[in-house]
Amino acid sequence: MLVNEPNLEKIYNFEDRLVRFAGECIFFVRKLEKSYEIDYYKNQLIRSSGSAALNYGEAQGTITNKDFIFKVSLSVKELKESRNSLKVLHYIKAGELEERKWLLTEVEELIAIASKMINNKK
């Protein structure tokens, strides 16, 4: 199937999943052709997927629920941006279909998990 390894195992630690998602986005874009249009979305995807992981890392060090919610909300924002970049790349059929599908499924799951964390802290 997949992305970097033949059988990606399920990761239950959210931070580890975010890190893997950012890494798999990098592996995915490395294989894409070079063009002005594709490079734009490749760069955007690398920045937003990495930022989601970094913001969640910062959320781990917050003291108040309000700060935690803010930082995780930033992660959700970046994940949604990653999703949109992946959707564009999917629409133009850039890269391998199975990799695109896996990344799109993973980003949806990450958004759902982070949103649930926010709701649980409210």
PDB file of N, CA and C in Angstrom:
ATOM      1  N   MET A   1       0.843  -1.166   0.000  1.00  0.00           N
ATOM      2  CA  MET A   1       0.000   0.000   0.000  1.00  0.00           C
ATOM      3  C   MET A   1       0.870   1.203   0.000  1.00  0.00           C
ATOM      4  N   LEU A   2       1.607   1.364   0.919  1.00  0.00           N
ATOM      5  CA  LEU A   2       1.562   2.701   1.414  1.00  0.00           C
ATOM      6  C   LEU A   2       2.778   3.488   1.198  1.00  0.00           C
ATOM      7  N   VAL A   3       2.641   4.384   1.972  1.00  0.00           N
ATOM      8  CA  VAL A   3       3.382   5.597   1.943  1.00  0.00           C
ATOM      9  C   VAL A   3       4.853   5.250   2.057  1.00  0.00           C
ATOM     10  N   ASN A   4       5.412   5.268   3.211  1.00  0.00           N
ATOM     11  CA  ASN A   4       6.844   5.043   3.355  1.00  0.00           C
ATOM     12  C   ASN A   4       7.154   3.579   3.625  1.00  0.00           C
ATOM     13  N   GLU A   5       6.296   2.913   4.345  1.00  0.00           N
ATOM     14  CA  GLU A   5       6.517   1.517   4.698  1.00  0.00           C
ATOM     15  C   GLU A   5       5.352   0.696   4.169  1.00  0.00           C
ATOM     16  N   PRO A   6       5.583  -0.590   3.904  1.00  0.00           N
ATOM     17  CA  PRO A   6       4.499  -1.401   3.356  1.00  0.00           C
ATOM     18  C   PRO A   6       3.303  -1.512   4.299  1.00  0.00           C
ATOM     19  N   ASN A   7       3.538  -1.645   5.580  1.00  0.00           N
ATOM     20  CA  ASN A   7       2.440  -1.802   6.541  1.00  0.00           C
ATOM     21  C   ASN A   7       2.613  -0.817   7.691  1.00  0.00           C
ATOM     22  N   LEU A   8       2.000   0.336   7.560  1.00  0.00           N
ATOM     23  CA  LEU A   8       2.082   1.297   8.658  1.00  0.00           C
ATOM     24  C   LEU A   8       1.178   0.818   9.782  1.00  0.00           C
ATOM     25  N   GLU A   9       1.769   0.668  10.946  1.00  0.00           N
ATOM     26  CA  GLU A   9       0.986   0.213  12.082  1.00  0.00           C
ATOM     27  C   GLU A   9       0.196   1.374  12.661  1.00  0.00           C
ATOM     28  N   LYS A  10      -0.866   1.029  13.347  1.00  0.00           N
ATOM     29  CA  LYS A  10      -1.703   2.043  13.973  1.00  0.00           C
ATOM     30  C   LYS A  10      -0.962   2.619  15.170  1.00  0.00           C
ATOM     31  N   ILE A  11      -0.932   3.939  15.241  1.00  0.00           N
ATOM     32  CA  ILE A  11      -0.299   4.629  16.367  1.00  0.00           C
ATOM     33  C   ILE A  11      -1.409   5.245  17.203  1.00  0.00           C
ATOM     34  N   TYR A  12      -1.350   5.032  18.511  1.00  0.00           N
ATOM     35  CA  TYR A  12      -2.408   5.534  19.392  1.00  0.00           C
ATOM     36  C   TYR A  12      -2.025   6.811  20.113  1.00  0.00           C
ATOM     37  N   ASN A  13      -0.760   7.171  20.108  1.00  0.00           N
ATOM     38  CA  ASN A  13      -0.315   8.426  20.698  1.00  0.00           C
ATOM     39  C   ASN A  13      -0.520   9.537  19.671  1.00  0.00           C
ATOM     40  N   PHE A  14      -1.318  10.550  20.032  1.00  0.00           N
ATOM     41  CA  PHE A  14      -1.696  11.585  19.081  1.00  0.00           C
ATOM     42  C   PHE A  14      -0.487  12.361  18.559  1.00  0.00           C
ATOM     43  N   GLU A  15       0.418  12.712  19.443  1.00  0.00           N
ATOM     44  CA  GLU A  15       1.605  13.454  19.017  1.00  0.00           C
ATOM     45  C   GLU A  15       2.424  12.635  18.017  1.00  0.00           C
ATOM     46  N   ASP A  16       2.570  11.351  18.284  1.00  0.00           N
ATOM     47  CA  ASP A  16       3.308  10.479  17.377  1.00  0.00           C
ATOM     48  C   ASP A  16       2.612  10.387  16.010  1.00  0.00           C
ATOM     49  N   ARG A  17       1.284  10.383  16.022  1.00  0.00           N
ATOM     50  CA  ARG A  17       0.544  10.351  14.749  1.00  0.00           C
ATOM     51  C   ARG A  17       0.754  11.635  13.962  1.00  0.00           C
ATOM     52  N   LEU A  18       0.772  12.760  14.661  1.00  0.00           N
ATOM     53  CA  LEU A  18       1.012  14.030  13.982  1.00  0.00           C
ATOM     54  C   LEU A  18       2.408  14.070  13.367  1.00  0.00           C
ATOM     55  N   VAL A  19       3.375  13.569  14.104  1.00  0.00           N
ATOM     56  CA  VAL A  19       4.756  13.533  13.610  1.00  0.00           C
ATOM     57  C   VAL A  19       4.835  12.611  12.389  1.00  0.00           C
ATOM     58  N   ARG A  20       4.217  11.447  12.488  1.00  0.00           N
ATOM     59  CA  ARG A  20       4.226  10.530  11.346  1.00  0.00           C
ATOM     60  C   ARG A  20       3.526  11.164  10.143  1.00  0.00           C
ATOM     61  N   PHE A  21       2.396  11.833  10.370  1.00  0.00           N
ATOM     62  CA  PHE A  21       1.673  12.471   9.270  1.00  0.00           C
ATOM     63  C   PHE A  21       2.560  13.507   8.571  1.00  0.00           C
ATOM     64  N   ALA A  22       3.231  14.341   9.359  1.00  0.00           N
ATOM     65  CA  ALA A  22       4.123  15.346   8.776  1.00  0.00           C
ATOM     66  C   ALA A  22       5.246  14.670   7.980  1.00  0.00           C
ATOM     67  N   GLY A  23       5.804  13.620   8.540  1.00  0.00           N
ATOM     68  CA  GLY A  23       6.866  12.891   7.848  1.00  0.00           C
ATOM     69  C   GLY A  23       6.384  12.239   6.570  1.00  0.00           C
ATOM     70  N   GLU A  24       5.209  11.626   6.617  1.00  0.00           N
ATOM     71  CA  GLU A  24       4.668  10.972   5.420  1.00  0.00           C
ATOM     72  C   GLU A  24       4.329  12.002   4.343  1.00  0.00           C
ATOM     73  N   CYS A  25       3.921  13.203   4.754  1.00  0.00           N
ATOM     74  CA  CYS A  25       3.686  14.281   3.781  1.00  0.00           C
ATOM     75  C   CYS A  25       4.995  14.637   3.077  1.00  0.00           C
ATOM     76  N   ILE A  26       6.079  14.676   3.827  1.00  0.00           N
ATOM     77  CA  ILE A  26       7.391  14.964   3.228  1.00  0.00           C
ATOM     78  C   ILE A  26       7.764  13.864   2.238  1.00  0.00           C
ATOM     79  N   PHE A  27       7.626  12.600   2.651  1.00  0.00           N
ATOM     80  CA  PHE A  27       7.946  11.488   1.746  1.00  0.00           C
ATOM     81  C   PHE A  27       7.095  11.558   0.479  1.00  0.00           C
ATOM     82  N   PHE A  28       5.815  11.911   0.644  1.00  0.00           N
ATOM     83  CA  PHE A  28       4.888  12.004  -0.487  1.00  0.00           C
ATOM     84  C   PHE A  28       5.326  13.091  -1.467  1.00  0.00           C
ATOM     85  N   VAL A  29       5.619  14.284  -0.964  1.00  0.00           N
ATOM     86  CA  VAL A  29       5.935  15.392  -1.876  1.00  0.00           C
ATOM     87  C   VAL A  29       7.303  15.218  -2.536  1.00  0.00           C
ATOM     88  N   ARG A  30       8.200  14.498  -1.904  1.00  0.00           N
ATOM     89  CA  ARG A  30       9.511  14.257  -2.516  1.00  0.00           C
ATOM     90  C   ARG A  30       9.387  13.524  -3.846  1.00  0.00           C
ATOM     91  N   LYS A  31       8.328  12.742  -3.987  1.00  0.00           N
ATOM     92  CA  LYS A  31       8.147  11.935  -5.195  1.00  0.00           C
ATOM     93  C   LYS A  31       7.379  12.670  -6.290  1.00  0.00           C
ATOM     94  N   LEU A  32       6.844  13.835  -5.999  1.00  0.00           N
ATOM     95  CA  LEU A  32       6.034  14.549  -6.982  1.00  0.00           C
ATOM     96  C   LEU A  32       6.918  15.250  -8.001  1.00  0.00           C
ATOM     97  N   GLU A  33       6.362  15.413  -9.178  1.00  0.00           N
ATOM     98  CA  GLU A  33       7.105  16.109 -10.236  1.00  0.00           C
ATOM     99  C   GLU A  33       7.314  17.569  -9.854  1.00  0.00           C
ATOM    100  N   LYS A  34       8.253  18.189 -10.526  1.00  0.00           N
ATOM    101  CA  LYS A  34       8.540  19.598 -10.277  1.00  0.00           C
ATOM    102  C   LYS A  34       7.808  20.445 -11.305  1.00  0.00           C
ATOM    103  N   SER A  35       6.981  21.328 -10.795  1.00  0.00           N
ATOM    104  CA  SER A  35       6.342  22.345 -11.615  1.00  0.00           C
ATOM    105  C   SER A  35       5.974  23.479 -10.670  1.00  0.00           C
ATOM    106  N   TYR A  36       5.769  24.650 -11.196  1.00  0.00           N
ATOM    107  CA  TYR A  36       5.434  25.794 -10.363  1.00  0.00           C
ATOM    108  C   TYR A  36       4.188  25.507  -9.525  1.00  0.00           C
ATOM    109  N   GLU A  37       3.166  24.970 -10.177  1.00  0.00           N
ATOM    110  CA  GLU A  37       1.890  24.738  -9.502  1.00  0.00           C
ATOM    111  C   GLU A  37       2.008  23.680  -8.412  1.00  0.00           C
ATOM    112  N   ILE A  38       2.620  22.571  -8.755  1.00  0.00           N
ATOM    113  CA  ILE A  38       2.742  21.490  -7.770  1.00  0.00           C
ATOM    114  C   ILE A  38       3.680  21.895  -6.640  1.00  0.00           C
ATOM    115  N   ASP A  39       4.751  22.599  -6.953  1.00  0.00           N
ATOM    116  CA  ASP A  39       5.673  23.049  -5.907  1.00  0.00           C
ATOM    117  C   ASP A  39       4.970  23.935  -4.885  1.00  0.00           C
ATOM    118  N   TYR A  40       4.037  24.743  -5.318  1.00  0.00           N
ATOM    119  CA  TYR A  40       3.288  25.608  -4.401  1.00  0.00           C
ATOM    120  C   TYR A  40       2.564  24.760  -3.351  1.00  0.00           C
ATOM    121  N   TYR A  41       1.848  23.736  -3.795  1.00  0.00           N
ATOM    122  CA  TYR A  41       1.089  22.900  -2.863  1.00  0.00           C
ATOM    123  C   TYR A  41       1.993  21.973  -2.059  1.00  0.00           C
ATOM    124  N   LYS A  42       3.094  21.540  -2.644  1.00  0.00           N
ATOM    125  CA  LYS A  42       4.063  20.743  -1.897  1.00  0.00           C
ATOM    126  C   LYS A  42       4.600  21.547  -0.713  1.00  0.00           C
ATOM    127  N   ASN A  43       5.036  22.764  -0.984  1.00  0.00           N
ATOM    128  CA  ASN A  43       5.578  23.616   0.088  1.00  0.00           C
ATOM    129  C   ASN A  43       4.533  23.909   1.151  1.00  0.00           C
ATOM    130  N   GLN A  44       3.328  24.186   0.709  1.00  0.00           N
ATOM    131  CA  GLN A  44       2.239  24.485   1.646  1.00  0.00           C
ATOM    132  C   GLN A  44       1.952  23.278   2.534  1.00  0.00           C
ATOM    133  N   LEU A  45       1.919  22.090   1.939  1.00  0.00           N
ATOM    134  CA  LEU A  45       1.632  20.868   2.691  1.00  0.00           C
ATOM    135  C   LEU A  45       2.719  20.581   3.720  1.00  0.00           C
ATOM    136  N   ILE A  46       3.961  20.771   3.335  1.00  0.00           N
ATOM    137  CA  ILE A  46       5.058  20.541   4.284  1.00  0.00           C
ATOM    138  C   ILE A  46       4.949  21.500   5.464  1.00  0.00           C
ATOM    139  N   ARG A  47       4.687  22.776   5.178  1.00  0.00           N
ATOM    140  CA  ARG A  47       4.594  23.769   6.263  1.00  0.00           C
ATOM    141  C   ARG A  47       3.409  23.497   7.185  1.00  0.00           C
ATOM    142  N   SER A  48       2.243  23.250   6.610  1.00  0.00           N
ATOM    143  CA  SER A  48       1.048  23.097   7.447  1.00  0.00           C
ATOM    144  C   SER A  48       1.059  21.788   8.236  1.00  0.00           C
ATOM    145  N   SER A  49       1.507  20.694   7.626  1.00  0.00           N
ATOM    146  CA  SER A  49       1.524  19.423   8.363  1.00  0.00           C
ATOM    147  C   SER A  49       2.551  19.476   9.498  1.00  0.00           C
ATOM    148  N   GLY A  50       3.703  20.081   9.232  1.00  0.00           N
ATOM    149  CA  GLY A  50       4.711  20.234  10.279  1.00  0.00           C
ATOM    150  C   GLY A  50       4.260  21.162  11.384  1.00  0.00           C
ATOM    151  N   SER A  51       3.573  22.223  11.005  1.00  0.00           N
ATOM    152  CA  SER A  51       3.082  23.191  11.989  1.00  0.00           C
ATOM    153  C   SER A  51       2.042  22.562  12.920  1.00  0.00           C
ATOM    154  N   ALA A  52       1.215  21.678  12.379  1.00  0.00           N
ATOM    155  CA  ALA A  52       0.217  20.996  13.219  1.00  0.00           C
ATOM    156  C   ALA A  52       0.912  20.207  14.329  1.00  0.00           C
ATOM    157  N   ALA A  53       1.963  19.492  13.971  1.00  0.00           N
ATOM    158  CA  ALA A  53       2.701  18.711  14.964  1.00  0.00           C
ATOM    159  C   ALA A  53       3.397  19.624  15.972  1.00  0.00           C
ATOM    160  N   LEU A  54       3.995  20.698  15.494  1.00  0.00           N
ATOM    161  CA  LEU A  54       4.708  21.614  16.392  1.00  0.00           C
ATOM    162  C   LEU A  54       3.766  22.325  17.353  1.00  0.00           C
ATOM    163  N   ASN A  55       2.616  22.759  16.865  1.00  0.00           N
ATOM    164  CA  ASN A  55       1.653  23.420  17.744  1.00  0.00           C
ATOM    165  C   ASN A  55       1.116  22.467  18.801  1.00  0.00           C
ATOM    166  N   TYR A  56       0.902  21.213  18.430  1.00  0.00           N
ATOM    167  CA  TYR A  56       0.451  20.255  19.440  1.00  0.00           C
ATOM    168  C   TYR A  56       1.532  20.024  20.478  1.00  0.00           C
ATOM    169  N   GLY A  57       2.777  19.989  20.035  1.00  0.00           N
ATOM    170  CA  GLY A  57       3.882  19.873  20.992  1.00  0.00           C
ATOM    171  C   GLY A  57       3.885  21.018  21.985  1.00  0.00           C
ATOM    172  N   GLU A  58       3.609  22.219  21.503  1.00  0.00           N
ATOM    173  CA  GLU A  58       3.513  23.369  22.407  1.00  0.00           C
ATOM    174  C   GLU A  58       2.317  23.239  23.343  1.00  0.00           C
ATOM    175  N   ALA A  59       1.235  22.660  22.862  1.00  0.00           N
ATOM    176  CA  ALA A  59       0.039  22.484  23.694  1.00  0.00           C
ATOM    177  C   ALA A  59       0.330  21.603  24.899  1.00  0.00           C
ATOM    178  N   GLN A  60       1.270  20.689  24.757  1.00  0.00           N
ATOM    179  CA  GLN A  60       1.616  19.792  25.856  1.00  0.00           C
ATOM    180  C   GLN A  60       2.214  20.539  27.045  1.00  0.00           C
ATOM    181  N   GLY A  61       2.772  21.711  26.786  1.00  0.00           N
ATOM    182  CA  GLY A  61       3.401  22.464  27.864  1.00  0.00           C
ATOM    183  C   GLY A  61       2.541  23.579  28.435  1.00  0.00           C
ATOM    184  N   THR A  62       1.288  23.639  28.027  1.00  0.00           N
ATOM    185  CA  THR A  62       0.433  24.724  28.523  1.00  0.00           C
ATOM    186  C   THR A  62      -0.022  24.454  29.955  1.00  0.00           C
ATOM    187  N   ILE A  63      -0.346  25.534  30.626  1.00  0.00           N
ATOM    188  CA  ILE A  63      -0.755  25.433  32.023  1.00  0.00           C
ATOM    189  C   ILE A  63      -2.273  25.446  32.162  1.00  0.00           C
ATOM    190  N   THR A  64      -2.927  26.281  31.378  1.00  0.00           N
ATOM    191  CA  THR A  64      -4.379  26.417  31.505  1.00  0.00           C
ATOM    192  C   THR A  64      -5.097  25.701  30.359  1.00  0.00           C
ATOM    193  N   ASN A  65      -6.355  25.375  30.615  1.00  0.00           N
ATOM    194  CA  ASN A  65      -7.181  24.780  29.569  1.00  0.00           C
ATOM    195  C   ASN A  65      -7.338  25.734  28.390  1.00  0.00           C
ATOM    196  N   LYS A  66      -7.446  27.027  28.687  1.00  0.00           N
ATOM    197  CA  LYS A  66      -7.608  28.021  27.625  1.00  0.00           C
ATOM    198  C   LYS A  66      -6.399  28.014  26.686  1.00  0.00           C
ATOM    199  N   ASP A  67      -5.206  27.954  27.250  1.00  0.00           N
ATOM    200  CA  ASP A  67      -3.995  27.891  26.430  1.00  0.00           C
ATOM    201  C   ASP A  67      -3.940  26.588  25.619  1.00  0.00           C
ATOM    202  N   PHE A  68      -4.313  25.484  26.264  1.00  0.00           N
ATOM    203  CA  PHE A  68      -4.331  24.196  25.571  1.00  0.00           C
ATOM    204  C   PHE A  68      -5.292  24.240  24.385  1.00  0.00           C
ATOM    205  N   ILE A  69      -6.488  24.742  24.630  1.00  0.00           N
ATOM    206  CA  ILE A  69      -7.498  24.835  23.566  1.00  0.00           C
ATOM    207  C   ILE A  69      -6.981  25.704  22.419  1.00  0.00           C
ATOM    208  N   PHE A  70      -6.326  26.813  22.744  1.00  0.00           N
ATOM    209  CA  PHE A  70      -5.801  27.702  21.713  1.00  0.00           C
ATOM    210  C   PHE A  70      -4.768  26.994  20.853  1.00  0.00           C
ATOM    211  N   LYS A  71      -3.812  26.317  21.481  1.00  0.00           N
ATOM    212  CA  LYS A  71      -2.746  25.651  20.730  1.00  0.00           C
ATOM    213  C   LYS A  71      -3.283  24.473  19.908  1.00  0.00           C
ATOM    214  N   VAL A  72      -4.197  23.709  20.470  1.00  0.00           N
ATOM    215  CA  VAL A  72      -4.765  22.588  19.715  1.00  0.00           C
ATOM    216  C   VAL A  72      -5.633  23.125  18.574  1.00  0.00           C
ATOM    217  N   SER A  73      -6.292  24.250  18.803  1.00  0.00           N
ATOM    218  CA  SER A  73      -7.071  24.889  17.725  1.00  0.00           C
ATOM    219  C   SER A  73      -6.165  25.291  16.566  1.00  0.00           C
ATOM    220  N   LEU A  74      -4.965  25.750  16.885  1.00  0.00           N
ATOM    221  CA  LEU A  74      -4.000  26.067  15.820  1.00  0.00           C
ATOM    222  C   LEU A  74      -3.613  24.801  15.051  1.00  0.00           C
ATOM    223  N   SER A  75      -3.470  23.695  15.767  1.00  0.00           N
ATOM    224  CA  SER A  75      -3.173  22.422  15.101  1.00  0.00           C
ATOM    225  C   SER A  75      -4.306  22.031  14.153  1.00  0.00           C
ATOM    226  N   VAL A  76      -5.543  22.205  14.607  1.00  0.00           N
ATOM    227  CA  VAL A  76      -6.694  21.883  13.760  1.00  0.00           C
ATOM    228  C   VAL A  76      -6.691  22.759  12.509  1.00  0.00           C
ATOM    229  N   LYS A  77      -6.424  24.040  12.692  1.00  0.00           N
ATOM    230  CA  LYS A  77      -6.354  24.967  11.555  1.00  0.00           C
ATOM    231  C   LYS A  77      -5.319  24.494  10.543  1.00  0.00           C
ATOM    232  N   GLU A  78      -4.149  24.107  11.021  1.00  0.00           N
ATOM    233  CA  GLU A  78      -3.082  23.652  10.134  1.00  0.00           C
ATOM    234  C   GLU A  78      -3.421  22.313   9.480  1.00  0.00           C
ATOM    235  N   LEU A  79      -4.096  21.444  10.212  1.00  0.00           N
ATOM    236  CA  LEU A  79      -4.522  20.172   9.628  1.00  0.00           C
ATOM    237  C   LEU A  79      -5.542  20.401   8.518  1.00  0.00           C
ATOM    238  N   LYS A  80      -6.443  21.354   8.722  1.00  0.00           N
ATOM    239  CA  LYS A  80      -7.424  21.665   7.677  1.00  0.00           C
ATOM    240  C   LYS A  80      -6.741  22.262   6.453  1.00  0.00           C
ATOM    241  N   GLU A  81      -5.719  23.043   6.678  1.00  0.00           N
ATOM    242  CA  GLU A  81      -4.944  23.579   5.561  1.00  0.00           C
ATOM    243  C   GLU A  81      -4.231  22.442   4.829  1.00  0.00           C
ATOM    244  N   SER A  82      -3.684  21.492   5.580  1.00  0.00           N
ATOM    245  CA  SER A  82      -3.050  20.317   4.964  1.00  0.00           C
ATOM    246  C   SER A  82      -4.071  19.547   4.135  1.00  0.00           C
ATOM    247  N   ARG A  83      -5.254  19.380   4.690  1.00  0.00           N
ATOM    248  CA  ARG A  83      -6.316  18.661   3.981  1.00  0.00           C
ATOM    249  C   ARG A  83      -6.629  19.336   2.646  1.00  0.00           C
ATOM    250  N   ASN A  84      -6.720  20.657   2.667  1.00  0.00           N
ATOM    251  CA  ASN A  84      -7.036  21.367   1.427  1.00  0.00           C
ATOM    252  C   ASN A  84      -5.930  21.222   0.398  1.00  0.00           C
ATOM    253  N   SER A  85      -4.678  21.290   0.826  1.00  0.00           N
ATOM    254  CA  SER A  85      -3.570  21.085  -0.110  1.00  0.00           C
ATOM    255  C   SER A  85      -3.622  19.666  -0.681  1.00  0.00           C
ATOM    256  N   LEU A  86      -3.891  18.688   0.176  1.00  0.00           N
ATOM    257  CA  LEU A  86      -3.998  17.310  -0.295  1.00  0.00           C
ATOM    258  C   LEU A  86      -5.159  17.138  -1.261  1.00  0.00           C
ATOM    259  N   LYS A  87      -6.264  17.837  -1.004  1.00  0.00           N
ATOM    260  CA  LYS A  87      -7.419  17.741  -1.902  1.00  0.00           C
ATOM    261  C   LYS A  87      -7.076  18.286  -3.288  1.00  0.00           C
ATOM    262  N   VAL A  88      -6.349  19.388  -3.328  1.00  0.00           N
ATOM    263  CA  VAL A  88      -5.943  19.938  -4.624  1.00  0.00           C
ATOM    264  C   VAL A  88      -5.030  18.952  -5.341  1.00  0.00           C
ATOM    265  N   LEU A  89      -4.036  18.429  -4.621  1.00  0.00           N
ATOM    266  CA  LEU A  89      -3.126  17.459  -5.226  1.00  0.00           C
ATOM    267  C   LEU A  89      -3.875  16.208  -5.678  1.00  0.00           C
ATOM    268  N   HIS A  90      -4.873  15.815  -4.918  1.00  0.00           N
ATOM    269  CA  HIS A  90      -5.696  14.667  -5.293  1.00  0.00           C
ATOM    270  C   HIS A  90      -6.503  14.987  -6.559  1.00  0.00           C
ATOM    271  N   TYR A  91      -7.059  16.162  -6.601  1.00  0.00           N
ATOM    272  CA  TYR A  91      -7.877  16.573  -7.752  1.00  0.00           C
ATOM    273  C   TYR A  91      -7.070  16.562  -9.049  1.00  0.00           C
ATOM    274  N   ILE A  92      -5.834  17.012  -8.974  1.00  0.00           N
ATOM    275  CA  ILE A  92      -5.003  17.040 -10.180  1.00  0.00           C
ATOM    276  C   ILE A  92      -4.232  15.730 -10.376  1.00  0.00           C
ATOM    277  N   LYS A  93      -4.523  14.764  -9.527  1.00  0.00           N
ATOM    278  CA  LYS A  93      -3.928  13.424  -9.608  1.00  0.00           C
ATOM    279  C   LYS A  93      -2.404  13.444  -9.509  1.00  0.00           C
ATOM    280  N   ALA A  94      -1.894  14.253  -8.599  1.00  0.00           N
ATOM    281  CA  ALA A  94      -0.452  14.325  -8.361  1.00  0.00           C
ATOM    282  C   ALA A  94      -0.059  13.234  -7.370  1.00  0.00           C
ATOM    283  N   GLY A  95       0.914  12.443  -7.733  1.00  0.00           N
ATOM    284  CA  GLY A  95       1.377  11.389  -6.837  1.00  0.00           C
ATOM    285  C   GLY A  95       0.555  10.122  -6.961  1.00  0.00           C
ATOM    286  N   GLU A  96       0.949   9.162  -6.161  1.00  0.00           N
ATOM    287  CA  GLU A  96       0.316   7.842  -6.185  1.00  0.00           C
ATOM    288  C   GLU A  96      -1.046   7.878  -5.476  1.00  0.00           C
ATOM    289  N   LEU A  97      -2.034   7.272  -6.086  1.00  0.00           N
ATOM    290  CA  LEU A  97      -3.406   7.288  -5.571  1.00  0.00           C
ATOM    291  C   LEU A  97      -3.498   6.753  -4.147  1.00  0.00           C
ATOM    292  N   GLU A  98      -2.874   5.614  -3.883  1.00  0.00           N
ATOM    293  CA  GLU A  98      -2.983   5.014  -2.545  1.00  0.00           C
ATOM    294  C   GLU A  98      -2.366   5.905  -1.475  1.00  0.00           C
ATOM    295  N   GLU A  99      -1.289   6.570  -1.789  1.00  0.00           N
ATOM    296  CA  GLU A  99      -0.668   7.494  -0.833  1.00  0.00           C
ATOM    297  C   GLU A  99      -1.586   8.676  -0.559  1.00  0.00           C
ATOM    298  N   ARG A 100      -2.161   9.233  -1.613  1.00  0.00           N
ATOM    299  CA  ARG A 100      -3.083  10.362  -1.446  1.00  0.00           C
ATOM    300  C   ARG A 100      -4.266   9.957  -0.585  1.00  0.00           C
ATOM    301  N   LYS A 101      -4.820   8.788  -0.855  1.00  0.00           N
ATOM    302  CA  LYS A 101      -5.977   8.318  -0.079  1.00  0.00           C
ATOM    303  C   LYS A 101      -5.615   8.153   1.392  1.00  0.00           C
ATOM    304  N   TRP A 102      -4.448   7.540   1.641  1.00  0.00           N
ATOM    305  CA  TRP A 102      -4.044   7.333   3.031  1.00  0.00           C
ATOM    306  C   TRP A 102      -3.868   8.667   3.748  1.00  0.00           C
ATOM    307  N   LEU A 103      -3.192   9.613   3.106  1.00  0.00           N
ATOM    308  CA  LEU A 103      -2.965  10.922   3.720  1.00  0.00           C
ATOM    309  C   LEU A 103      -4.282  11.648   3.967  1.00  0.00           C
ATOM    310  N   LEU A 104      -5.205  11.577   3.026  1.00  0.00           N
ATOM    311  CA  LEU A 104      -6.504  12.232   3.207  1.00  0.00           C
ATOM    312  C   LEU A 104      -7.299  11.586   4.347  1.00  0.00           C
ATOM    313  N   THR A 105      -7.253  10.274   4.440  1.00  0.00           N
ATOM    314  CA  THR A 105      -7.948   9.592   5.539  1.00  0.00           C
ATOM    315  C   THR A 105      -7.314   9.949   6.876  1.00  0.00           C
ATOM    316  N   GLU A 106      -5.996   9.933   6.911  1.00  0.00           N
ATOM    317  CA  GLU A 106      -5.280  10.235   8.159  1.00  0.00           C
ATOM    318  C   GLU A 106      -5.552  11.658   8.622  1.00  0.00           C
ATOM    319  N   VAL A 107      -5.536  12.621   7.702  1.00  0.00           N
ATOM    320  CA  VAL A 107      -5.763  14.008   8.117  1.00  0.00           C
ATOM    321  C   VAL A 107      -7.182  14.186   8.654  1.00  0.00           C
ATOM    322  N   GLU A 108      -8.154  13.493   8.072  1.00  0.00           N
ATOM    323  CA  GLU A 108      -9.536  13.571   8.584  1.00  0.00           C
ATOM    324  C   GLU A 108      -9.614  13.019  10.004  1.00  0.00           C
ATOM    325  N   GLU A 109      -8.942  11.908  10.241  1.00  0.00           N
ATOM    326  CA  GLU A 109      -8.940  11.316  11.582  1.00  0.00           C
ATOM    327  C   GLU A 109      -8.244  12.234  12.583  1.00  0.00           C
ATOM    328  N   LEU A 110      -7.136  12.844  12.187  1.00  0.00           N
ATOM    329  CA  LEU A 110      -6.410  13.748  13.082  1.00  0.00           C
ATOM    330  C   LEU A 110      -7.250  14.978  13.426  1.00  0.00           C
ATOM    331  N   ILE A 111      -7.958  15.510  12.447  1.00  0.00           N
ATOM    332  CA  ILE A 111      -8.838  16.655  12.698  1.00  0.00           C
ATOM    333  C   ILE A 111      -9.918  16.263  13.700  1.00  0.00           C
ATOM    334  N   ALA A 112     -10.511  15.091  13.509  1.00  0.00           N
ATOM    335  CA  ALA A 112     -11.573  14.624  14.410  1.00  0.00           C
ATOM    336  C   ALA A 112     -11.052  14.440  15.832  1.00  0.00           C
ATOM    337  N   ILE A 113      -9.881  13.858  15.974  1.00  0.00           N
ATOM    338  CA  ILE A 113      -9.309  13.628  17.308  1.00  0.00           C
ATOM    339  C   ILE A 113      -9.008  14.954  17.999  1.00  0.00           C
ATOM    340  N   ALA A 114      -8.361  15.870  17.283  1.00  0.00           N
ATOM    341  CA  ALA A 114      -8.008  17.156  17.882  1.00  0.00           C
ATOM    342  C   ALA A 114      -9.268  17.944  18.243  1.00  0.00           C
ATOM    343  N   SER A 115     -10.272  17.894  17.394  1.00  0.00           N
ATOM    344  CA  SER A 115     -11.519  18.612  17.691  1.00  0.00           C
ATOM    345  C   SER A 115     -12.188  18.045  18.934  1.00  0.00           C
ATOM    346  N   LYS A 116     -12.119  16.733  19.086  1.00  0.00           N
ATOM    347  CA  LYS A 116     -12.693  16.080  20.273  1.00  0.00           C
ATOM    348  C   LYS A 116     -11.930  16.501  21.534  1.00  0.00           C
ATOM    349  N   MET A 117     -10.595  16.627  21.428  1.00  0.00           N
ATOM    350  CA  MET A 117      -9.804  17.096  22.575  1.00  0.00           C
ATOM    351  C   MET A 117     -10.250  18.484  23.001  1.00  0.00           C
ATOM    352  N   ILE A 118     -10.473  19.345  22.024  1.00  0.00           N
ATOM    353  CA  ILE A 118     -10.910  20.714  22.323  1.00  0.00           C
ATOM    354  C   ILE A 118     -12.255  20.692  23.017  1.00  0.00           C
ATOM    355  N   ASN A 119     -13.188  19.925  22.484  1.00  0.00           N
ATOM    356  CA  ASN A 119     -14.525  19.853  23.095  1.00  0.00           C
ATOM    357  C   ASN A 119     -14.475  19.272  24.502  1.00  0.00           C
ATOM    358  N   ASN A 120     -13.591  18.326  24.730  1.00  0.00           N
ATOM    359  CA  ASN A 120     -13.471  17.732  26.069  1.00  0.00           C
ATOM    360  C   ASN A 120     -12.896  18.700  27.092  1.00  0.00           C
ATOM    361  N   LYS A 121     -12.117  19.675  26.649  1.00  0.00           N
ATOM    362  CA  LYS A 121     -11.512  20.648  27.567  1.00  0.00           C
ATOM    363  C   LYS A 121     -12.442  21.823  27.868  1.00  0.00           C
ATOM    364  N   LYS A 122     -13.493  21.971  27.075  1.00  0.00           N
ATOM    365  CA  LYS A 122     -14.417  23.109  27.277  1.00  0.00           C
ATOM    366  C   LYS A 122     -15.337  22.876  28.450  1.00  0.00           C
TER     367      LYS A 122
END
